Amino acid sequence: MTSIYSIYYFIGILIALVVSLRLLKLLVVRFFTSDYYKSLFAARMQMFSELHKSGQTKSSKMRSELISVLNMKIAELGGDVVEIGAGPGNNTKFLQLPEGSFLIVVDYNPHMEKIFRKNMETDNPNLHLKEFLVQSADDMSEIPDGSVSAVLATHLLCSLDDQQTRKVLKEIMRVLRPGGCYFFLEHVIDKPGTMRRAVQCMLGSVTGIWQLVADGCNPDKDTCQEIHQAGFGSVTLKNSLTEQFYLWNDPIYTITSYVTRPKLWGHAVKHSIKRCTEKDKLAKLFESMAQA
């Protein structure tokens, strides 16, 4: 009789544990998807923005080189630029758009707009912002087909699942004019056999912890293949490894800099009549900058 009661007791404890874990997961997910968390995340990104804009880190130098090619492209084509996931405005310092060209920002976090506008006024008051659209990039229906010359997105695709990534790349193709370019900078999964790759997988696809606490960011995402399969006329990209930061007073940033060190950056050109010429021009620009 005692053994039967022990079994019932064990089953009861097990059920209570499962229910408790489910409730805990529900509460955690609700917190990290709440508007309050979005406001905290926006404030956290503002703390990191000064480091990104300094021009002294490898990551900010990548941004500078990437956007300098974008600036040359817009000087040639004219037209507007869409930046997706602009956050607090880490890229505004490097943008130099000609007269008549405007910036359109797409960011799903409503708390970013105030921070972005403030930073833009400080870093680049000559930059003209046409619109700040608070919406997801997988449906940019407010931007007409073939209406912009360039799309800029840094650290965007890491926060999307495979289906969302395909939708966003399709939307980027749609809004670009023929011959227009998609400029990207992404952190990606490390090479096979490395300790970092194991850590990325454990935090990402195995446990899902990183996606939960980092606004959906997936540290073990293979973005290269997805961009190549999106249907662009040509793709030019580079792989780089940024430096590791050790900030003992900020362990979260130290871990983040370790996990996101591998970078993929470059541009993709939408099909046009002059697509071979456009491909050659931009490829030569990147090649000359790499040799400099």
C-alpha atoms as a PDB file:
ATOM      1  CA  MET A   1       0.000   0.000   0.000  1.00  0.00           C
ATOM      2  CA  THR A   2       2.818   2.356   0.877  1.00  0.00           C
ATOM      3  CA  SER A   3       4.490   1.719  -2.462  1.00  0.00           C
ATOM      4  CA  ILE A   4       1.290   2.663  -4.326  1.00  0.00           C
ATOM      5  CA  TYR A   5       1.076   5.939  -2.405  1.00  0.00           C
ATOM      6  CA  SER A   6       4.746   6.588  -3.216  1.00  0.00           C
ATOM      7  CA  ILE A   7       4.054   6.111  -6.929  1.00  0.00           C
ATOM      8  CA  TYR A   8       1.071   8.479  -6.774  1.00  0.00           C
ATOM      9  CA  TYR A   9       3.180  10.985  -4.866  1.00  0.00           C
ATOM     10  CA  PHE A  10       5.968  10.761  -7.461  1.00  0.00           C
ATOM     11  CA  ILE A  11       3.468  11.189 -10.344  1.00  0.00           C
ATOM     12  CA  GLY A  12       1.932  14.180  -8.588  1.00  0.00           C
ATOM     13  CA  ILE A  13       5.322  15.814  -8.109  1.00  0.00           C
ATOM     14  CA  LEU A  14       6.170  15.162 -11.764  1.00  0.00           C
ATOM     15  CA  ILE A  15       2.898  16.689 -13.002  1.00  0.00           C
ATOM     16  CA  ALA A  16       3.381  19.730 -10.752  1.00  0.00           C
ATOM     17  CA  LEU A  17       6.918  20.172 -12.078  1.00  0.00           C
ATOM     18  CA  VAL A  18       5.801  19.975 -15.714  1.00  0.00           C
ATOM     19  CA  VAL A  19       2.963  22.466 -15.117  1.00  0.00           C
ATOM     20  CA  SER A  20       5.321  24.816 -13.253  1.00  0.00           C
ATOM     21  CA  LEU A  21       7.862  24.718 -16.079  1.00  0.00           C
ATOM     22  CA  ARG A  22       5.165  25.411 -18.668  1.00  0.00           C
ATOM     23  CA  LEU A  23       3.871  28.364 -16.652  1.00  0.00           C
ATOM     24  CA  LEU A  24       7.406  29.667 -16.178  1.00  0.00           C
ATOM     25  CA  LYS A  25       8.072  29.410 -19.914  1.00  0.00           C
ATOM     26  CA  LEU A  26       4.800  31.220 -20.640  1.00  0.00           C
ATOM     27  CA  LEU A  27       5.717  34.057 -18.258  1.00  0.00           C
ATOM     28  CA  VAL A  28       9.246  34.345 -19.651  1.00  0.00           C
ATOM     29  CA  VAL A  29       8.025  34.406 -23.268  1.00  0.00           C
ATOM     30  CA  ARG A  30       5.356  36.961 -22.402  1.00  0.00           C
ATOM     31  CA  PHE A  31       7.951  39.222 -20.768  1.00  0.00           C
ATOM     32  CA  PHE A  32      10.444  39.023 -23.644  1.00  0.00           C
ATOM     33  CA  THR A  33       7.724  39.758 -26.206  1.00  0.00           C
ATOM     34  CA  SER A  34       6.150  42.604 -24.228  1.00  0.00           C
ATOM     35  CA  ASP A  35       6.232  46.285 -25.075  1.00  0.00           C
ATOM     36  CA  TYR A  36       8.124  46.891 -21.832  1.00  0.00           C
ATOM     37  CA  TYR A  37      10.927  44.572 -22.962  1.00  0.00           C
ATOM     38  CA  LYS A  38      11.049  46.345 -26.352  1.00  0.00           C
ATOM     39  CA  SER A  39      11.640  49.631 -24.503  1.00  0.00           C
ATOM     40  CA  LEU A  40      14.415  48.024 -22.433  1.00  0.00           C
ATOM     41  CA  PHE A  41      15.979  46.552 -25.572  1.00  0.00           C
ATOM     42  CA  ALA A  42      15.903  49.946 -27.312  1.00  0.00           C
ATOM     43  CA  ALA A  43      17.681  51.542 -24.343  1.00  0.00           C
ATOM     44  CA  ARG A  44      20.274  48.749 -24.334  1.00  0.00           C
ATOM     45  CA  MET A  45      20.965  49.216 -28.057  1.00  0.00           C
ATOM     46  CA  GLN A  46      21.476  52.927 -27.447  1.00  0.00           C
ATOM     47  CA  MET A  47      24.226  52.051 -24.926  1.00  0.00           C
ATOM     48  CA  PHE A  48      26.020  49.993 -27.595  1.00  0.00           C
ATOM     49  CA  SER A  49      25.553  52.546 -30.394  1.00  0.00           C
ATOM     50  CA  GLU A  50      28.463  54.813 -29.466  1.00  0.00           C
ATOM     51  CA  LEU A  51      30.905  51.918 -29.815  1.00  0.00           C
ATOM     52  CA  HIS A  52      29.474  50.989 -33.223  1.00  0.00           C
ATOM     53  CA  LYS A  53      29.687  54.588 -34.471  1.00  0.00           C
ATOM     54  CA  SER A  54      33.177  55.288 -33.185  1.00  0.00           C
ATOM     55  CA  GLY A  55      34.915  54.048 -36.314  1.00  0.00           C
ATOM     56  CA  GLN A  56      37.611  52.432 -34.135  1.00  0.00           C
ATOM     57  CA  THR A  57      36.298  48.857 -34.047  1.00  0.00           C
ATOM     58  CA  LYS A  58      36.467  46.351 -36.897  1.00  0.00           C
ATOM     59  CA  SER A  59      32.692  46.185 -36.966  1.00  0.00           C
ATOM     60  CA  SER A  60      32.305  49.948 -37.348  1.00  0.00           C
ATOM     61  CA  LYS A  61      35.017  49.960 -40.032  1.00  0.00           C
ATOM     62  CA  MET A  62      33.047  47.302 -41.925  1.00  0.00           C
ATOM     63  CA  ARG A  63      29.975  49.523 -41.671  1.00  0.00           C
ATOM     64  CA  SER A  64      31.959  52.502 -42.912  1.00  0.00           C
ATOM     65  CA  GLU A  65      33.379  50.626 -45.925  1.00  0.00           C
ATOM     66  CA  LEU A  66      30.049  49.031 -46.781  1.00  0.00           C
ATOM     67  CA  ILE A  67      28.132  52.295 -46.629  1.00  0.00           C
ATOM     68  CA  SER A  68      30.807  54.192 -48.574  1.00  0.00           C
ATOM     69  CA  VAL A  69      30.034  51.856 -51.496  1.00  0.00           C
ATOM     70  CA  LEU A  70      26.327  52.528 -50.942  1.00  0.00           C
ATOM     71  CA  ASN A  71      27.009  56.270 -51.036  1.00  0.00           C
ATOM     72  CA  MET A  72      28.828  55.908 -54.365  1.00  0.00           C
ATOM     73  CA  LYS A  73      25.962  53.848 -55.744  1.00  0.00           C
ATOM     74  CA  ILE A  74      23.382  56.447 -54.753  1.00  0.00           C
ATOM     75  CA  ALA A  75      25.542  59.252 -56.162  1.00  0.00           C
ATOM     76  CA  GLU A  76      25.415  57.371 -59.469  1.00  0.00           C
ATOM     77  CA  LEU A  77      21.754  56.300 -59.492  1.00  0.00           C
ATOM     78  CA  GLY A  78      20.079  58.886 -57.298  1.00  0.00           C
ATOM     79  CA  GLY A  79      16.888  57.838 -55.556  1.00  0.00           C
ATOM     80  CA  ASP A  80      16.000  56.879 -52.014  1.00  0.00           C
ATOM     81  CA  VAL A  81      17.481  54.410 -49.524  1.00  0.00           C
ATOM     82  CA  VAL A  82      15.572  52.072 -47.211  1.00  0.00           C
ATOM     83  CA  GLU A  83      17.239  50.993 -43.980  1.00  0.00           C
ATOM     84  CA  ILE A  84      15.645  47.981 -42.300  1.00  0.00           C
ATOM     85  CA  GLY A  85      16.146  47.450 -38.573  1.00  0.00           C
ATOM     86  CA  ALA A  86      17.957  50.745 -38.148  1.00  0.00           C
ATOM     87  CA  GLY A  87      17.740  50.561 -34.363  1.00  0.00           C
ATOM     88  CA  PRO A  88      19.261  53.595 -32.618  1.00  0.00           C
ATOM     89  CA  GLY A  89      20.962  54.765 -35.844  1.00  0.00           C
ATOM     90  CA  ASN A  90      24.384  53.108 -35.865  1.00  0.00           C
ATOM     91  CA  ASN A  91      24.725  53.732 -39.607  1.00  0.00           C
ATOM     92  CA  THR A  92      23.520  57.315 -39.926  1.00  0.00           C
ATOM     93  CA  LYS A  93      26.991  58.758 -39.306  1.00  0.00           C
ATOM     94  CA  PHE A  94      28.306  57.075 -42.476  1.00  0.00           C
ATOM     95  CA  LEU A  95      25.442  57.884 -44.866  1.00  0.00           C
ATOM     96  CA  GLN A  96      26.103  60.681 -47.352  1.00  0.00           C
ATOM     97  CA  LEU A  97      23.090  60.935 -49.620  1.00  0.00           C
ATOM     98  CA  PRO A  98      23.006  63.443 -52.495  1.00  0.00           C
ATOM     99  CA  GLU A  99      20.454  66.233 -52.804  1.00  0.00           C
ATOM    100  CA  GLY A 100      17.044  64.807 -53.615  1.00  0.00           C
ATOM    101  CA  SER A 101      17.726  61.414 -52.011  1.00  0.00           C
ATOM    102  CA  PHE A 102      15.918  60.487 -48.817  1.00  0.00           C
ATOM    103  CA  LEU A 103      16.159  57.809 -46.140  1.00  0.00           C
ATOM    104  CA  ILE A 104      13.204  55.578 -45.299  1.00  0.00           C
ATOM    105  CA  VAL A 105      13.516  53.582 -42.067  1.00  0.00           C
ATOM    106  CA  VAL A 106      11.657  50.351 -41.322  1.00  0.00           C
ATOM    107  CA  ASP A 107      11.834  49.058 -37.733  1.00  0.00           C
ATOM    108  CA  TYR A 108       9.241  47.013 -35.876  1.00  0.00           C
ATOM    109  CA  ASN A 109      10.204  48.414 -32.442  1.00  0.00           C
ATOM    110  CA  PRO A 110       8.221  51.639 -31.819  1.00  0.00           C
ATOM    111  CA  HIS A 111      10.640  52.717 -29.070  1.00  0.00           C
ATOM    112  CA  MET A 112      13.498  53.033 -31.563  1.00  0.00           C
ATOM    113  CA  GLU A 113      12.052  55.984 -33.478  1.00  0.00           C
ATOM    114  CA  LYS A 114      12.655  58.639 -30.820  1.00  0.00           C
ATOM    115  CA  ILE A 115      16.217  57.384 -30.210  1.00  0.00           C
ATOM    116  CA  PHE A 116      16.929  57.159 -33.947  1.00  0.00           C
ATOM    117  CA  ARG A 117      15.719  60.697 -34.688  1.00  0.00           C
ATOM    118  CA  LYS A 118      17.718  62.142 -31.794  1.00  0.00           C
ATOM    119  CA  ASN A 119      20.914  60.371 -32.856  1.00  0.00           C
ATOM    120  CA  MET A 120      20.415  61.326 -36.496  1.00  0.00           C
ATOM    121  CA  GLU A 121      20.125  65.005 -35.574  1.00  0.00           C
ATOM    122  CA  THR A 122      23.392  64.741 -33.652  1.00  0.00           C
ATOM    123  CA  ASP A 123      25.414  62.509 -35.991  1.00  0.00           C
ATOM    124  CA  ASN A 124      24.181  63.581 -39.415  1.00  0.00           C
ATOM    125  CA  PRO A 125      21.845  66.605 -39.438  1.00  0.00           C
ATOM    126  CA  ASN A 126      22.120  66.830 -43.244  1.00  0.00           C
ATOM    127  CA  LEU A 127      20.476  63.437 -43.683  1.00  0.00           C
ATOM    128  CA  HIS A 128      16.857  63.733 -44.808  1.00  0.00           C
ATOM    129  CA  LEU A 129      14.463  61.234 -43.254  1.00  0.00           C
ATOM    130  CA  LYS A 130      11.347  60.759 -45.371  1.00  0.00           C
ATOM    131  CA  GLU A 131       9.557  58.222 -43.156  1.00  0.00           C
ATOM    132  CA  PHE A 132      10.044  56.031 -40.093  1.00  0.00           C
ATOM    133  CA  LEU A 133       7.757  53.051 -40.637  1.00  0.00           C
ATOM    134  CA  VAL A 134       7.015  51.006 -37.515  1.00  0.00           C
ATOM    135  CA  GLN A 135       6.358  47.652 -39.145  1.00  0.00           C
ATOM    136  CA  SER A 136       7.893  44.292 -39.916  1.00  0.00           C
ATOM    137  CA  ALA A 137      10.169  44.021 -42.935  1.00  0.00           C
ATOM    138  CA  ASP A 138       8.338  40.971 -44.283  1.00  0.00           C
ATOM    139  CA  ASP A 139       5.493  43.277 -45.363  1.00  0.00           C
ATOM    140  CA  MET A 140       6.729  46.684 -46.532  1.00  0.00           C
ATOM    141  CA  SER A 141       3.530  47.349 -48.493  1.00  0.00           C
ATOM    142  CA  GLU A 142       3.752  51.095 -47.832  1.00  0.00           C
ATOM    143  CA  ILE A 143       6.857  51.213 -50.070  1.00  0.00           C
ATOM    144  CA  PRO A 144       5.959  50.919 -53.785  1.00  0.00           C
ATOM    145  CA  ASP A 145       7.503  48.356 -56.143  1.00  0.00           C
ATOM    146  CA  GLY A 146      10.851  49.325 -57.662  1.00  0.00           C
ATOM    147  CA  SER A 147      10.894  52.681 -55.877  1.00  0.00           C
ATOM    148  CA  VAL A 148      14.289  52.730 -54.099  1.00  0.00           C
ATOM    149  CA  SER A 149      17.882  52.468 -55.280  1.00  0.00           C
ATOM    150  CA  ALA A 150      19.341  50.753 -52.220  1.00  0.00           C
ATOM    151  CA  VAL A 151      18.326  48.772 -49.166  1.00  0.00           C
ATOM    152  CA  LEU A 152      20.621  48.716 -46.144  1.00  0.00           C
ATOM    153  CA  ALA A 153      20.281  46.175 -43.337  1.00  0.00           C
ATOM    154  CA  THR A 154      22.822  45.393 -40.612  1.00  0.00           C
ATOM    155  CA  HIS A 155      22.258  42.539 -38.159  1.00  0.00           C
ATOM    156  CA  LEU A 156      18.751  41.917 -39.484  1.00  0.00           C
ATOM    157  CA  LEU A 157      18.471  38.384 -40.879  1.00  0.00           C
ATOM    158  CA  CYS A 158      19.840  36.847 -37.681  1.00  0.00           C
ATOM    159  CA  SER A 159      16.553  37.755 -35.985  1.00  0.00           C
ATOM    160  CA  LEU A 160      14.348  35.985 -38.542  1.00  0.00           C
ATOM    161  CA  ASP A 161      13.408  32.355 -38.997  1.00  0.00           C
ATOM    162  CA  ASP A 162      13.800  30.715 -42.413  1.00  0.00           C
ATOM    163  CA  GLN A 163      10.301  31.599 -43.621  1.00  0.00           C
ATOM    164  CA  GLN A 164      10.579  35.226 -42.476  1.00  0.00           C
ATOM    165  CA  THR A 165      14.013  35.510 -44.104  1.00  0.00           C
ATOM    166  CA  ARG A 166      12.626  34.420 -47.472  1.00  0.00           C
ATOM    167  CA  LYS A 167       9.744  36.897 -47.143  1.00  0.00           C
ATOM    168  CA  VAL A 168      12.053  39.782 -46.215  1.00  0.00           C
ATOM    169  CA  LEU A 169      14.490  39.088 -49.060  1.00  0.00           C
ATOM    170  CA  LYS A 170      11.524  38.892 -51.442  1.00  0.00           C
ATOM    171  CA  GLU A 171      10.297  42.259 -50.163  1.00  0.00           C
ATOM    172  CA  ILE A 172      13.777  43.748 -50.601  1.00  0.00           C
ATOM    173  CA  MET A 173      13.794  42.520 -54.212  1.00  0.00           C
ATOM    174  CA  ARG A 174      10.350  44.011 -54.749  1.00  0.00           C
ATOM    175  CA  VAL A 175      11.097  47.549 -53.513  1.00  0.00           C
ATOM    176  CA  LEU A 176      14.471  47.777 -55.305  1.00  0.00           C
ATOM    177  CA  ARG A 177      14.572  49.307 -58.766  1.00  0.00           C
ATOM    178  CA  PRO A 178      16.385  47.324 -61.503  1.00  0.00           C
ATOM    179  CA  GLY A 179      20.101  47.703 -60.878  1.00  0.00           C
ATOM    180  CA  GLY A 180      19.473  48.643 -57.243  1.00  0.00           C
ATOM    181  CA  CYS A 181      21.508  47.086 -54.445  1.00  0.00           C
ATOM    182  CA  TYR A 182      20.927  45.368 -51.145  1.00  0.00           C
ATOM    183  CA  PHE A 183      23.791  46.106 -48.711  1.00  0.00           C
ATOM    184  CA  PHE A 184      24.114  43.812 -45.704  1.00  0.00           C
ATOM    185  CA  LEU A 185      26.240  43.147 -42.622  1.00  0.00           C
ATOM    186  CA  GLU A 186      25.312  40.061 -40.597  1.00  0.00           C
ATOM    187  CA  HIS A 187      26.836  37.990 -37.832  1.00  0.00           C
ATOM    188  CA  VAL A 188      26.796  34.306 -38.780  1.00  0.00           C
ATOM    189  CA  ILE A 189      27.648  30.845 -37.506  1.00  0.00           C
ATOM    190  CA  ASP A 190      31.372  30.125 -37.122  1.00  0.00           C
ATOM    191  CA  LYS A 191      33.397  27.538 -39.056  1.00  0.00           C
ATOM    192  CA  PRO A 192      32.806  23.813 -38.337  1.00  0.00           C
ATOM    193  CA  GLY A 193      34.917  22.365 -35.540  1.00  0.00           C
ATOM    194  CA  THR A 194      35.338  25.611 -33.585  1.00  0.00           C
ATOM    195  CA  MET A 195      34.415  26.084 -29.938  1.00  0.00           C
ATOM    196  CA  ARG A 196      32.456  29.218 -30.835  1.00  0.00           C
ATOM    197  CA  ARG A 197      30.254  27.253 -33.262  1.00  0.00           C
ATOM    198  CA  ALA A 198      29.399  24.804 -30.463  1.00  0.00           C
ATOM    199  CA  VAL A 199      28.517  27.686 -28.121  1.00  0.00           C
ATOM    200  CA  GLN A 200      26.431  29.361 -30.855  1.00  0.00           C
ATOM    201  CA  CYS A 201      24.479  26.158 -31.489  1.00  0.00           C
ATOM    202  CA  MET A 202      23.931  25.543 -27.777  1.00  0.00           C
ATOM    203  CA  LEU A 203      22.626  29.078 -27.183  1.00  0.00           C
ATOM    204  CA  GLY A 204      20.669  29.103 -30.441  1.00  0.00           C
ATOM    205  CA  SER A 205      18.983  26.117 -32.049  1.00  0.00           C
ATOM    206  CA  VAL A 206      19.544  23.689 -29.124  1.00  0.00           C
ATOM    207  CA  THR A 207      18.151  25.720 -26.206  1.00  0.00           C
ATOM    208  CA  GLY A 208      16.669  28.845 -27.810  1.00  0.00           C
ATOM    209  CA  ILE A 209      18.006  30.968 -24.938  1.00  0.00           C
ATOM    210  CA  TRP A 210      19.692  33.557 -27.175  1.00  0.00           C
ATOM    211  CA  GLN A 211      16.570  34.143 -29.281  1.00  0.00           C
ATOM    212  CA  LEU A 212      14.560  34.674 -26.121  1.00  0.00           C
ATOM    213  CA  VAL A 213      16.798  37.253 -24.451  1.00  0.00           C
ATOM    214  CA  ALA A 214      18.200  38.960 -27.589  1.00  0.00           C
ATOM    215  CA  ASP A 215      15.006  39.992 -29.367  1.00  0.00           C
ATOM    216  CA  GLY A 216      14.813  36.913 -31.590  1.00  0.00           C
ATOM    217  CA  CYS A 217      18.479  36.870 -32.608  1.00  0.00           C
ATOM    218  CA  ASN A 218      19.722  33.477 -33.833  1.00  0.00           C
ATOM    219  CA  PRO A 219      23.493  33.114 -33.253  1.00  0.00           C
ATOM    220  CA  ASP A 220      23.913  29.972 -35.385  1.00  0.00           C
ATOM    221  CA  LYS A 221      22.225  31.157 -38.571  1.00  0.00           C
ATOM    222  CA  ASP A 222      23.802  30.412 -41.979  1.00  0.00           C
ATOM    223  CA  THR A 223      22.867  33.579 -43.859  1.00  0.00           C
ATOM    224  CA  CYS A 224      25.178  33.200 -46.853  1.00  0.00           C
ATOM    225  CA  GLN A 225      23.147  30.483 -48.531  1.00  0.00           C
ATOM    226  CA  GLU A 226      19.864  32.339 -48.009  1.00  0.00           C
ATOM    227  CA  ILE A 227      21.133  35.490 -49.740  1.00  0.00           C
ATOM    228  CA  HIS A 228      22.519  33.477 -52.663  1.00  0.00           C
ATOM    229  CA  GLN A 229      19.158  31.744 -53.129  1.00  0.00           C
ATOM    230  CA  ALA A 230      17.098  34.948 -53.049  1.00  0.00           C
ATOM    231  CA  GLY A 231      17.320  35.528 -56.810  1.00  0.00           C
ATOM    232  CA  PHE A 232      19.649  38.524 -57.053  1.00  0.00           C
ATOM    233  CA  GLY A 233      21.553  39.067 -60.295  1.00  0.00           C
ATOM    234  CA  SER A 234      24.883  38.983 -58.479  1.00  0.00           C
ATOM    235  CA  VAL A 235      26.154  38.682 -54.920  1.00  0.00           C
ATOM    236  CA  THR A 236      29.514  39.935 -53.630  1.00  0.00           C
ATOM    237  CA  LEU A 237      30.395  39.144 -50.035  1.00  0.00           C
ATOM    238  CA  LYS A 238      33.196  38.829 -47.510  1.00  0.00           C
ATOM    239  CA  ASN A 239      33.723  36.907 -44.292  1.00  0.00           C
ATOM    240  CA  SER A 240      35.498  38.654 -41.421  1.00  0.00           C
ATOM    241  CA  LEU A 241      36.150  38.155 -37.737  1.00  0.00           C
ATOM    242  CA  THR A 242      35.717  41.146 -35.452  1.00  0.00           C
ATOM    243  CA  GLU A 243      37.682  41.689 -32.253  1.00  0.00           C
ATOM    244  CA  GLN A 244      36.731  40.281 -28.843  1.00  0.00           C
ATOM    245  CA  PHE A 245      35.810  42.784 -26.138  1.00  0.00           C
ATOM    246  CA  TYR A 246      36.359  42.032 -22.458  1.00  0.00           C
ATOM    247  CA  LEU A 247      34.249  44.401 -20.387  1.00  0.00           C
ATOM    248  CA  TRP A 248      34.267  42.959 -16.884  1.00  0.00           C
ATOM    249  CA  ASN A 249      31.694  45.490 -15.736  1.00  0.00           C
ATOM    250  CA  ASP A 250      29.390  44.362 -18.569  1.00  0.00           C
ATOM    251  CA  PRO A 251      29.476  40.555 -18.950  1.00  0.00           C
ATOM    252  CA  ILE A 252      26.467  40.590 -21.295  1.00  0.00           C
ATOM    253  CA  TYR A 253      28.343  42.653 -23.866  1.00  0.00           C
ATOM    254  CA  THR A 254      31.464  40.487 -23.416  1.00  0.00           C
ATOM    255  CA  ILE A 255      29.461  37.342 -24.191  1.00  0.00           C
ATOM    256  CA  THR A 256      27.681  39.056 -27.091  1.00  0.00           C
ATOM    257  CA  SER A 257      30.948  40.144 -28.703  1.00  0.00           C
ATOM    258  CA  TYR A 258      32.264  36.569 -28.442  1.00  0.00           C
ATOM    259  CA  VAL A 259      29.177  34.913 -29.908  1.00  0.00           C
ATOM    260  CA  THR A 260      28.742  37.403 -32.771  1.00  0.00           C
ATOM    261  CA  ARG A 261      32.372  37.787 -33.909  1.00  0.00           C
ATOM    262  CA  PRO A 262      32.034  36.010 -37.307  1.00  0.00           C
ATOM    263  CA  LYS A 263      30.633  38.501 -39.825  1.00  0.00           C
ATOM    264  CA  LEU A 264      29.286  38.283 -43.372  1.00  0.00           C
ATOM    265  CA  TRP A 265      29.017  41.513 -45.342  1.00  0.00           C
ATOM    266  CA  GLY A 266      28.680  42.733 -48.890  1.00  0.00           C
ATOM    267  CA  HIS A 267      26.007  43.588 -51.450  1.00  0.00           C
ATOM    268  CA  ALA A 268      23.586  41.991 -53.890  1.00  0.00           C
ATOM    269  CA  VAL A 269      22.440  43.558 -57.161  1.00  0.00           C
ATOM    270  CA  LYS A 270      18.930  43.219 -58.560  1.00  0.00           C
ATOM    271  CA  HIS A 271      18.733  42.135 -62.208  1.00  0.00           C
ATOM    272  CA  SER A 272      18.954  44.937 -64.740  1.00  0.00           C
ATOM    273  CA  ILE A 273      19.823  45.402 -68.400  1.00  0.00           C
ATOM    274  CA  LYS A 274      23.280  46.538 -67.314  1.00  0.00           C
ATOM    275  CA  ARG A 275      23.642  43.909 -64.615  1.00  0.00           C
ATOM    276  CA  CYS A 276      27.080  42.735 -65.743  1.00  0.00           C
ATOM    277  CA  THR A 277      28.374  46.311 -65.718  1.00  0.00           C
ATOM    278  CA  GLU A 278      26.890  46.975 -62.268  1.00  0.00           C
ATOM    279  CA  LYS A 279      28.370  43.757 -60.919  1.00  0.00           C
ATOM    280  CA  ASP A 280      31.825  44.583 -62.237  1.00  0.00           C
ATOM    281  CA  LYS A 281      31.770  48.134 -60.866  1.00  0.00           C
ATOM    282  CA  LEU A 282      30.774  47.169 -57.343  1.00  0.00           C
ATOM    283  CA  ALA A 283      33.046  44.127 -57.255  1.00  0.00           C
ATOM    284  CA  LYS A 284      35.996  46.326 -58.222  1.00  0.00           C
ATOM    285  CA  LEU A 285      35.080  48.833 -55.510  1.00  0.00           C
ATOM    286  CA  PHE A 286      35.080  46.146 -52.822  1.00  0.00           C
ATOM    287  CA  GLU A 287      38.265  44.617 -54.177  1.00  0.00           C
ATOM    288  CA  SER A 288      40.097  47.952 -54.154  1.00  0.00           C
ATOM    289  CA  MET A 289      38.911  48.701 -50.604  1.00  0.00           C
ATOM    290  CA  ALA A 290      40.096  45.281 -49.416  1.00  0.00           C
ATOM    291  CA  GLN A 291      43.548  45.909 -50.870  1.00  0.00           C
ATOM    292  CA  ALA A 292      43.801  49.392 -49.357  1.00  0.00           C
END
